[in-house]
C-alpha atoms as a PDB file:
ATOM      1  CA  MET A   1       7.325  11.526  -1.597  1.00  0.00           C
ATOM      2  CA  SER A   2       4.913   9.802  -3.948  1.00  0.00           C
ATOM      3  CA  VAL A   3       2.812  11.463  -6.641  1.00  0.00           C
ATOM      4  CA  GLY A   4      -0.226  10.992  -4.405  1.00  0.00           C
ATOM      5  CA  GLU A   5       1.378  12.946  -1.591  1.00  0.00           C
ATOM      6  CA  ILE A   6       2.394  15.720  -3.979  1.00  0.00           C
ATOM      7  CA  HIS A   7      -0.643  16.191  -6.192  1.00  0.00           C
ATOM      8  CA  TYR A   8      -3.627  15.321  -3.996  1.00  0.00           C
ATOM      9  CA  PRO A   9      -3.141  18.199  -1.507  1.00  0.00           C
ATOM     10  CA  LEU A  10      -2.424  20.682  -4.305  1.00  0.00           C
ATOM     11  CA  LEU A  11      -5.538  19.638  -6.231  1.00  0.00           C
ATOM     12  CA  ARG A  12      -7.536  20.255  -3.043  1.00  0.00           C
ATOM     13  CA  GLY A  13      -6.089  23.734  -2.591  1.00  0.00           C
ATOM     14  CA  LYS A  14      -3.861  22.710   0.310  1.00  0.00           C
ATOM     15  CA  LYS A  15      -0.165  23.244   0.907  1.00  0.00           C
ATOM     16  CA  ILE A  16       2.568  20.662   1.435  1.00  0.00           C
ATOM     17  CA  ILE A  17       4.937  20.850   4.391  1.00  0.00           C
ATOM     18  CA  LEU A  18       8.367  19.429   3.576  1.00  0.00           C
ATOM     19  CA  CYS A  19      10.862  18.115   6.097  1.00  0.00           C
ATOM     20  CA  ASP A  20      14.513  17.145   5.786  1.00  0.00           C
ATOM     21  CA  ASP A  21      15.970  13.678   6.455  1.00  0.00           C
ATOM     22  CA  ASP A  22      16.760  14.448  10.088  1.00  0.00           C
ATOM     23  CA  GLU A  23      13.229  15.664  10.778  1.00  0.00           C
ATOM     24  CA  PHE A  24      11.688  12.731   8.908  1.00  0.00           C
ATOM     25  CA  ASN A  25      13.431  10.230  11.177  1.00  0.00           C
ATOM     26  CA  ASN A  26      12.691  12.188  14.343  1.00  0.00           C
ATOM     27  CA  PRO A  27       9.087  11.822  15.590  1.00  0.00           C
ATOM     28  CA  GLU A  28       9.530  14.770  17.944  1.00  0.00           C
ATOM     29  CA  SER A  29      10.442  17.025  15.016  1.00  0.00           C
ATOM     30  CA  ILE A  30       7.484  15.700  13.018  1.00  0.00           C
ATOM     31  CA  GLY A  31       5.226  16.462  15.976  1.00  0.00           C
ATOM     32  CA  GLU A  32       6.541  20.030  16.094  1.00  0.00           C
ATOM     33  CA  LEU A  33       5.809  20.479  12.377  1.00  0.00           C
ATOM     34  CA  ILE A  34       2.263  19.123  12.802  1.00  0.00           C
ATOM     35  CA  SER A  35       1.575  21.590  15.616  1.00  0.00           C
ATOM     36  CA  LYS A  36       3.320  24.553  13.973  1.00  0.00           C
ATOM     37  CA  TYR A  37       1.566  24.249  10.611  1.00  0.00           C
ATOM     38  CA  ASN A  38      -1.688  22.732  11.893  1.00  0.00           C
ATOM     39  CA  ILE A  39      -1.315  19.713   9.606  1.00  0.00           C
ATOM     40  CA  HIS A  40      -4.527  17.727   9.018  1.00  0.00           C
ATOM     41  CA  TYR A  41      -3.505  15.057   6.487  1.00  0.00           C
ATOM     42  CA  LEU A  42      -0.877  12.356   6.976  1.00  0.00           C
ATOM     43  CA  ILE A  43       0.272   9.251   5.064  1.00  0.00           C
ATOM     44  CA  SER A  44       2.429   6.595   6.694  1.00  0.00           C
ATOM     45  CA  VAL A  45       3.485   2.972   6.767  1.00  0.00           C
ATOM     46  CA  PRO A  46       1.846   1.423   9.886  1.00  0.00           C
ATOM     47  CA  SER A  47       5.089   0.221  11.507  1.00  0.00           C
ATOM     48  CA  ARG A  48       6.740   3.647  11.220  1.00  0.00           C
ATOM     49  CA  PHE A  49       3.627   5.354  12.515  1.00  0.00           C
ATOM     50  CA  GLU A  50       3.501   2.999  15.496  1.00  0.00           C
ATOM     51  CA  ASN A  51       7.058   4.001  16.412  1.00  0.00           C
ATOM     52  CA  TYR A  52       6.158   7.683  16.090  1.00  0.00           C
ATOM     53  CA  LEU A  53       3.247   7.311  18.511  1.00  0.00           C
ATOM     54  CA  ASN A  54       5.666   6.187  21.219  1.00  0.00           C
ATOM     55  CA  ASN A  55       7.010   9.743  21.255  1.00  0.00           C
ATOM     56  CA  GLU A  56       5.090  12.025  23.622  1.00  0.00           C
ATOM     57  CA  LYS A  57       5.384  15.204  21.541  1.00  0.00           C
ATOM     58  CA  PHE A  58       4.239  13.420  18.384  1.00  0.00           C
ATOM     59  CA  SER A  59       1.308  11.698  20.092  1.00  0.00           C
ATOM     60  CA  GLN A  60       0.164  15.017  21.603  1.00  0.00           C
ATOM     61  CA  SER A  61       0.310  16.759  18.221  1.00  0.00           C
ATOM     62  CA  PHE A  62      -1.643  13.950  16.585  1.00  0.00           C
ATOM     63  CA  LYS A  63      -4.949  15.435  17.777  1.00  0.00           C
ATOM     64  CA  ASN A  64      -4.603  17.891  14.849  1.00  0.00           C
ATOM     65  CA  ILE A  65      -4.767  15.103  12.255  1.00  0.00           C
ATOM     66  CA  ARG A  66      -8.153  14.642  10.582  1.00  0.00           C
ATOM     67  CA  PHE A  67      -7.238  12.154   7.859  1.00  0.00           C
ATOM     68  CA  LEU A  68      -4.692   9.356   8.189  1.00  0.00           C
ATOM     69  CA  LEU A  69      -3.824   7.093   5.262  1.00  0.00           C
ATOM     70  CA  ILE A  70      -1.914   3.919   6.056  1.00  0.00           C
ATOM     71  CA  GLY A  71      -0.563   1.430   3.547  1.00  0.00           C
ATOM     72  CA  GLY A  72       2.489  -0.379   2.252  1.00  0.00           C
ATOM     73  CA  GLU A  73       2.115  -3.272   4.697  1.00  0.00           C
ATOM     74  CA  LYS A  74      -0.536  -5.038   6.764  1.00  0.00           C
ATOM     75  CA  CYS A  75      -1.966  -3.005   9.639  1.00  0.00           C
ATOM     76  CA  ASN A  76      -2.890  -4.610  12.962  1.00  0.00           C
ATOM     77  CA  THR A  77      -5.768  -3.523  15.176  1.00  0.00           C
ATOM     78  CA  LYS A  78      -3.389  -2.746  18.047  1.00  0.00           C
ATOM     79  CA  ILE A  79      -2.061   0.240  16.089  1.00  0.00           C
ATOM     80  CA  LEU A  80      -5.599   1.384  15.288  1.00  0.00           C
ATOM     81  CA  ASN A  81      -6.610   1.319  18.944  1.00  0.00           C
ATOM     82  CA  THR A  82      -3.509   3.332  19.842  1.00  0.00           C
ATOM     83  CA  ILE A  83      -4.514   5.898  17.217  1.00  0.00           C
ATOM     84  CA  ARG A  84      -7.949   6.225  18.827  1.00  0.00           C
ATOM     85  CA  LYS A  85      -6.353   7.195  22.138  1.00  0.00           C
ATOM     86  CA  TYR A  86      -5.046  10.405  20.595  1.00  0.00           C
ATOM     87  CA  SER A  87      -7.359  11.284  17.719  1.00  0.00           C
ATOM     88  CA  ASP A  88     -10.808  10.765  16.217  1.00  0.00           C
ATOM     89  CA  CYS A  89      -9.379  11.135  12.717  1.00  0.00           C
ATOM     90  CA  ARG A  90     -10.629   9.131   9.776  1.00  0.00           C
ATOM     91  CA  VAL A  91      -8.272   6.230   9.081  1.00  0.00           C
ATOM     92  CA  TYR A  92      -8.055   4.768   5.580  1.00  0.00           C
ATOM     93  CA  ASN A  93      -6.321   1.553   4.611  1.00  0.00           C
ATOM     94  CA  ILE A  94      -4.916   2.117   1.120  1.00  0.00           C
ATOM     95  CA  TYR A  95      -3.368  -0.220  -1.420  1.00  0.00           C
ATOM     96  CA  GLY A  96      -1.622   0.102  -4.728  1.00  0.00           C
ATOM     97  CA  PRO A  97       1.764  -0.422  -6.356  1.00  0.00           C
ATOM     98  CA  THR A  98       3.937   2.257  -7.934  1.00  0.00           C
ATOM     99  CA  GLU A  99       3.218   0.642 -11.318  1.00  0.00           C
ATOM    100  CA  ALA A 100      -0.427   1.710 -10.993  1.00  0.00           C
ATOM    101  CA  THR A 101       0.345   5.259  -9.802  1.00  0.00           C
ATOM    102  CA  VAL A 102       0.468   4.444  -6.093  1.00  0.00           C
ATOM    103  CA  PHE A 103      -3.207   4.035  -5.095  1.00  0.00           C
ATOM    104  CA  SER A 104      -5.727   1.637  -6.624  1.00  0.00           C
ATOM    105  CA  ASN A 105      -7.905   0.689  -3.630  1.00  0.00           C
ATOM    106  CA  GLY A 106      -8.937   2.166  -0.318  1.00  0.00           C
ATOM    107  CA  ILE A 107     -11.324   1.711   2.581  1.00  0.00           C
ATOM    108  CA  LEU A 108     -12.404   3.864   5.516  1.00  0.00           C
ATOM    109  CA  LEU A 109     -11.774   1.719   8.591  1.00  0.00           C
ATOM    110  CA  ASP A 110     -14.432   1.256  11.256  1.00  0.00           C
ATOM    111  CA  ILE A 111     -12.159   0.629  14.244  1.00  0.00           C
ATOM    112  CA  GLU A 112     -15.005  -0.124  16.644  1.00  0.00           C
ATOM    113  CA  LYS A 113     -16.427  -2.712  14.249  1.00  0.00           C
ATOM    114  CA  LEU A 114     -13.007  -4.318  13.825  1.00  0.00           C
ATOM    115  CA  ASN A 115     -12.672  -4.609  17.599  1.00  0.00           C
ATOM    116  CA  LYS A 116     -16.067  -6.276  17.873  1.00  0.00           C
ATOM    117  CA  SER A 117     -15.125  -8.810  15.208  1.00  0.00           C
ATOM    118  CA  LYS A 118     -11.955  -9.594  17.229  1.00  0.00           C
ATOM    119  CA  VAL A 119      -9.655  -9.657  14.195  1.00  0.00           C
ATOM    120  CA  SER A 120      -5.953  -9.067  14.785  1.00  0.00           C
ATOM    121  CA  SER A 121      -5.209  -7.286  11.507  1.00  0.00           C
ATOM    122  CA  VAL A 122      -6.875  -5.480   8.602  1.00  0.00           C
ATOM    123  CA  ASN A 123      -7.132  -7.662   5.497  1.00  0.00           C
ATOM    124  CA  SER A 124      -9.550  -5.626   3.381  1.00  0.00           C
ATOM    125  CA  ILE A 125      -7.996  -3.101   1.015  1.00  0.00           C
ATOM    126  CA  GLY A 126     -11.420  -1.859  -0.016  1.00  0.00           C
ATOM    127  CA  LYS A 127     -12.850  -1.101  -3.427  1.00  0.00           C
ATOM    128  CA  PRO A 128     -11.127   0.314  -6.523  1.00  0.00           C
ATOM    129  CA  ILE A 129     -10.872   4.093  -6.762  1.00  0.00           C
ATOM    130  CA  CYS A 130     -12.194   6.163  -9.670  1.00  0.00           C
ATOM    131  CA  ASN A 131     -10.784   5.261 -13.127  1.00  0.00           C
ATOM    132  CA  CYS A 132      -9.142   2.147 -11.708  1.00  0.00           C
ATOM    133  CA  PHE A 133     -10.221  -1.437 -12.411  1.00  0.00           C
ATOM    134  CA  VAL A 134      -9.218  -4.380 -10.240  1.00  0.00           C
ATOM    135  CA  TYR A 135      -9.464  -8.011 -11.299  1.00  0.00           C
ATOM    136  CA  ILE A 136      -8.868 -11.232  -9.357  1.00  0.00           C
ATOM    137  CA  LEU A 137      -7.631 -13.736 -11.935  1.00  0.00           C
ATOM    138  CA  ASP A 138      -6.453 -17.343 -12.125  1.00  0.00           C
ATOM    139  CA  LYS A 139      -3.211 -18.453 -13.804  1.00  0.00           C
ATOM    140  CA  ASN A 140      -4.938 -18.254 -17.201  1.00  0.00           C
ATOM    141  CA  LEU A 141      -6.007 -14.648 -16.517  1.00  0.00           C
ATOM    142  CA  LYS A 142      -9.647 -15.663 -16.130  1.00  0.00           C
ATOM    143  CA  PRO A 143     -11.825 -14.061 -13.399  1.00  0.00           C
ATOM    144  CA  VAL A 144     -12.416 -16.181 -10.296  1.00  0.00           C
ATOM    145  CA  PRO A 145     -15.693 -16.233  -8.293  1.00  0.00           C
ATOM    146  CA  ILE A 146     -16.251 -14.343  -5.041  1.00  0.00           C
ATOM    147  CA  GLY A 147     -14.251 -15.911  -2.226  1.00  0.00           C
ATOM    148  CA  VAL A 148     -11.814 -17.729  -4.518  1.00  0.00           C
ATOM    149  CA  GLU A 149      -8.142 -16.773  -4.379  1.00  0.00           C
ATOM    150  CA  GLY A 150      -6.329 -15.391  -7.400  1.00  0.00           C
ATOM    151  CA  GLU A 151      -3.792 -12.806  -8.506  1.00  0.00           C
ATOM    152  CA  ILE A 152      -4.701  -9.146  -8.034  1.00  0.00           C
ATOM    153  CA  CYS A 153      -4.418  -7.384 -11.401  1.00  0.00           C
ATOM    154  CA  ILE A 154      -4.961  -3.673 -11.987  1.00  0.00           C
ATOM    155  CA  GLY A 155      -6.230  -1.873 -15.064  1.00  0.00           C
ATOM    156  CA  GLY A 156      -7.343   1.652 -15.804  1.00  0.00           C
ATOM    157  CA  TYR A 157      -5.851   5.070 -16.395  1.00  0.00           C
ATOM    158  CA  GLY A 158      -3.239   4.825 -13.643  1.00  0.00           C
ATOM    159  CA  VAL A 159      -1.331   1.851 -15.058  1.00  0.00           C
ATOM    160  CA  GLY A 160       2.162   2.746 -16.243  1.00  0.00           C
ATOM    161  CA  LYS A 161       3.815   1.905 -19.557  1.00  0.00           C
ATOM    162  CA  GLY A 162       6.425  -0.428 -18.101  1.00  0.00           C
ATOM    163  CA  TYR A 163       9.926  -0.520 -16.654  1.00  0.00           C
ATOM    164  CA  LEU A 164      12.740   1.553 -18.115  1.00  0.00           C
ATOM    165  CA  SER A 165      15.214  -0.607 -20.079  1.00  0.00           C
ATOM    166  CA  ARG A 166      13.658  -3.845 -18.752  1.00  0.00           C
ATOM    167  CA  GLU A 167      11.650  -5.116 -21.699  1.00  0.00           C
ATOM    168  CA  GLU A 168      11.383  -8.733 -20.531  1.00  0.00           C
ATOM    169  CA  LEU A 169      10.018  -7.794 -17.105  1.00  0.00           C
ATOM    170  CA  THR A 170       7.694  -5.229 -18.687  1.00  0.00           C
ATOM    171  CA  ASN A 171       6.202  -7.860 -20.999  1.00  0.00           C
ATOM    172  CA  GLU A 172       5.734 -10.202 -18.046  1.00  0.00           C
ATOM    173  CA  LYS A 173       4.016  -7.712 -15.752  1.00  0.00           C
ATOM    174  CA  PHE A 174       2.252  -5.265 -18.103  1.00  0.00           C
ATOM    175  CA  VAL A 175      -0.083  -7.334 -20.276  1.00  0.00           C
ATOM    176  CA  GLU A 176      -2.956  -6.581 -22.620  1.00  0.00           C
ATOM    177  CA  CYS A 177      -6.179  -6.149 -20.656  1.00  0.00           C
ATOM    178  CA  PRO A 178      -8.943  -8.365 -22.082  1.00  0.00           C
ATOM    179  CA  PHE A 179     -11.707  -6.669 -20.099  1.00  0.00           C
ATOM    180  CA  THR A 180     -11.712  -3.098 -21.428  1.00  0.00           C
ATOM    181  CA  ASP A 181     -12.786  -1.378 -24.626  1.00  0.00           C
ATOM    182  CA  ALA A 182     -10.072  -1.859 -27.251  1.00  0.00           C
ATOM    183  CA  GLU A 183     -10.634   1.707 -28.464  1.00  0.00           C
ATOM    184  CA  ASP A 184      -9.772   3.164 -25.057  1.00  0.00           C
ATOM    185  CA  GLN A 185      -6.041   3.762 -25.481  1.00  0.00           C
ATOM    186  CA  TYR A 186      -5.577   4.704 -21.820  1.00  0.00           C
ATOM    187  CA  SER A 187      -6.700   1.393 -20.345  1.00  0.00           C
ATOM    188  CA  ARG A 188      -5.343  -1.206 -22.730  1.00  0.00           C
ATOM    189  CA  LYS A 189      -2.700  -2.424 -20.310  1.00  0.00           C
ATOM    190  CA  MET A 190      -3.187  -4.382 -17.099  1.00  0.00           C
ATOM    191  CA  TYR A 191      -0.576  -4.747 -14.370  1.00  0.00           C
ATOM    192  CA  ARG A 192      -0.045  -8.120 -12.690  1.00  0.00           C
ATOM    193  CA  THR A 193       0.810  -7.255  -9.086  1.00  0.00           C
ATOM    194  CA  GLY A 194       1.914 -10.692  -7.908  1.00  0.00           C
ATOM    195  CA  ASP A 195      -0.312 -10.202  -4.856  1.00  0.00           C
ATOM    196  CA  LEU A 196      -2.784 -12.894  -3.848  1.00  0.00           C
ATOM    197  CA  GLY A 197      -6.338 -11.792  -3.112  1.00  0.00           C
ATOM    198  CA  LYS A 198     -10.051 -12.507  -3.281  1.00  0.00           C
ATOM    199  CA  TRP A 199     -13.357 -10.647  -3.445  1.00  0.00           C
ATOM    200  CA  ASN A 200     -15.702 -10.601  -0.462  1.00  0.00           C
ATOM    201  CA  GLU A 201     -19.481 -10.267  -0.564  1.00  0.00           C
ATOM    202  CA  ASN A 202     -19.261  -6.468  -0.140  1.00  0.00           C
ATOM    203  CA  GLY A 203     -17.240  -5.968  -3.314  1.00  0.00           C
ATOM    204  CA  GLU A 204     -14.021  -5.385  -1.389  1.00  0.00           C
ATOM    205  CA  VAL A 205     -10.659  -6.953  -2.140  1.00  0.00           C
ATOM    206  CA  ILE A 206      -9.045  -9.043   0.592  1.00  0.00           C
ATOM    207  CA  CYS A 207      -5.255  -9.054   0.256  1.00  0.00           C
ATOM    208  CA  LEU A 208      -3.764 -12.404   1.299  1.00  0.00           C
ATOM    209  CA  GLY A 209      -0.058 -11.954   0.617  1.00  0.00           C
ATOM    210  CA  ARG A 210       2.233 -12.806  -2.295  1.00  0.00           C
ATOM    211  CA  ILE A 211       2.222 -15.534  -4.935  1.00  0.00           C
ATOM    212  CA  ASP A 212       6.020 -15.334  -5.192  1.00  0.00           C
ATOM    213  CA  PHE A 213       8.945 -14.774  -2.812  1.00  0.00           C
ATOM    214  CA  GLN A 214       8.709 -11.002  -2.583  1.00  0.00           C
ATOM    215  CA  ILE A 215       8.070  -9.527   0.862  1.00  0.00           C
ATOM    216  CA  LYS A 216       7.457  -6.043   2.194  1.00  0.00           C
ATOM    217  CA  LEU A 217       9.348  -4.569   5.126  1.00  0.00           C
ATOM    218  CA  ARG A 218       8.290  -1.117   6.340  1.00  0.00           C
ATOM    219  CA  GLY A 219       6.637  -0.574   2.966  1.00  0.00           C
ATOM    220  CA  GLN A 220       9.741  -1.482   0.938  1.00  0.00           C
ATOM    221  CA  ARG A 221       9.703  -4.360  -1.547  1.00  0.00           C
ATOM    222  CA  ILE A 222      12.368  -7.001  -0.961  1.00  0.00           C
ATOM    223  CA  GLU A 223      13.093  -9.922  -3.289  1.00  0.00           C
ATOM    224  CA  LEU A 224      14.285 -12.880  -1.206  1.00  0.00           C
ATOM    225  CA  GLY A 225      15.824 -14.455  -4.306  1.00  0.00           C
ATOM    226  CA  GLU A 226      18.086 -11.435  -4.808  1.00  0.00           C
ATOM    227  CA  ILE A 227      19.326 -11.762  -1.219  1.00  0.00           C
ATOM    228  CA  GLU A 228      20.058 -15.453  -1.802  1.00  0.00           C
ATOM    229  CA  THR A 229      22.053 -14.607  -4.938  1.00  0.00           C
ATOM    230  CA  THR A 230      24.140 -12.072  -3.022  1.00  0.00           C
ATOM    231  CA  VAL A 231      24.734 -14.452  -0.106  1.00  0.00           C
ATOM    232  CA  ASN A 232      25.832 -17.211  -2.497  1.00  0.00           C
ATOM    233  CA  GLU A 233      28.561 -14.928  -3.824  1.00  0.00           C
ATOM    234  CA  VAL A 234      30.304 -15.066  -0.439  1.00  0.00           C
ATOM    235  CA  GLU A 235      33.319 -17.363  -0.487  1.00  0.00           C
ATOM    236  CA  GLY A 236      32.603 -20.689   1.199  1.00  0.00           C
ATOM    237  CA  ILE A 237      28.824 -20.549   0.684  1.00  0.00           C
ATOM    238  CA  LYS A 238      27.431 -22.816  -2.015  1.00  0.00           C
ATOM    239  CA  TYR A 239      23.675 -22.700  -1.337  1.00  0.00           C
ATOM    240  CA  SER A 240      21.461 -20.496   0.819  1.00  0.00           C
ATOM    241  CA  ILE A 241      17.765 -20.046   1.508  1.00  0.00           C
ATOM    242  CA  VAL A 242      16.256 -16.787   2.735  1.00  0.00           C
ATOM    243  CA  ILE A 243      12.822 -17.003   4.365  1.00  0.00           C
ATOM    244  CA  ASP A 244      10.341 -14.469   5.666  1.00  0.00           C
ATOM    245  CA  GLY A 245      10.547 -14.697   9.452  1.00  0.00           C
END
């Protein structure tokens, strides 16, 4: 569970329903929990949620859900249309790394509008949330105009202090923020996400992928370079290249 999943319901006066590992990996068990406890709020990675909806008991219980937050990877419109078959819940596309306390952006999705525009996937991650600042910057950490690609950087109260016992990586990723009041001790740092993005005319951030060789699979970060290093340690292998298929 993330801090968002723990604290948001409690701050709203709600209760959290916990499940064990077996239940978590069993959509039928999840469906039973949703029905038993009348669960209204759910967070999921799109690919996992799509697999859950293939289970009859889960899909039937899904009518109880009022708010669905999806994130961690790109969401396609096929999943959204499947959701609409079982529920009229509000669906939010959320974005944010752990280094910025999980969520930094979000947008309420208009599924009907997406269908009319005939897009295959959701690219907008919406606008920054309260007390969070998002910047699209060039390689010199200068803001780029609307529509121009750059690195997504995050400032504000949610940015962490750095990585434990990894000073070099901390200095690379957590840099001084040149856009905030120097006297505000809680927003002096800015996190460089390594994600490529741009602003659209509505003030939303469009996420375009990575500027390095990191990928996401089912919401988990994977460094392709680390896989290559491990493969190269195998006897008989001198060089290897790992690509995102």
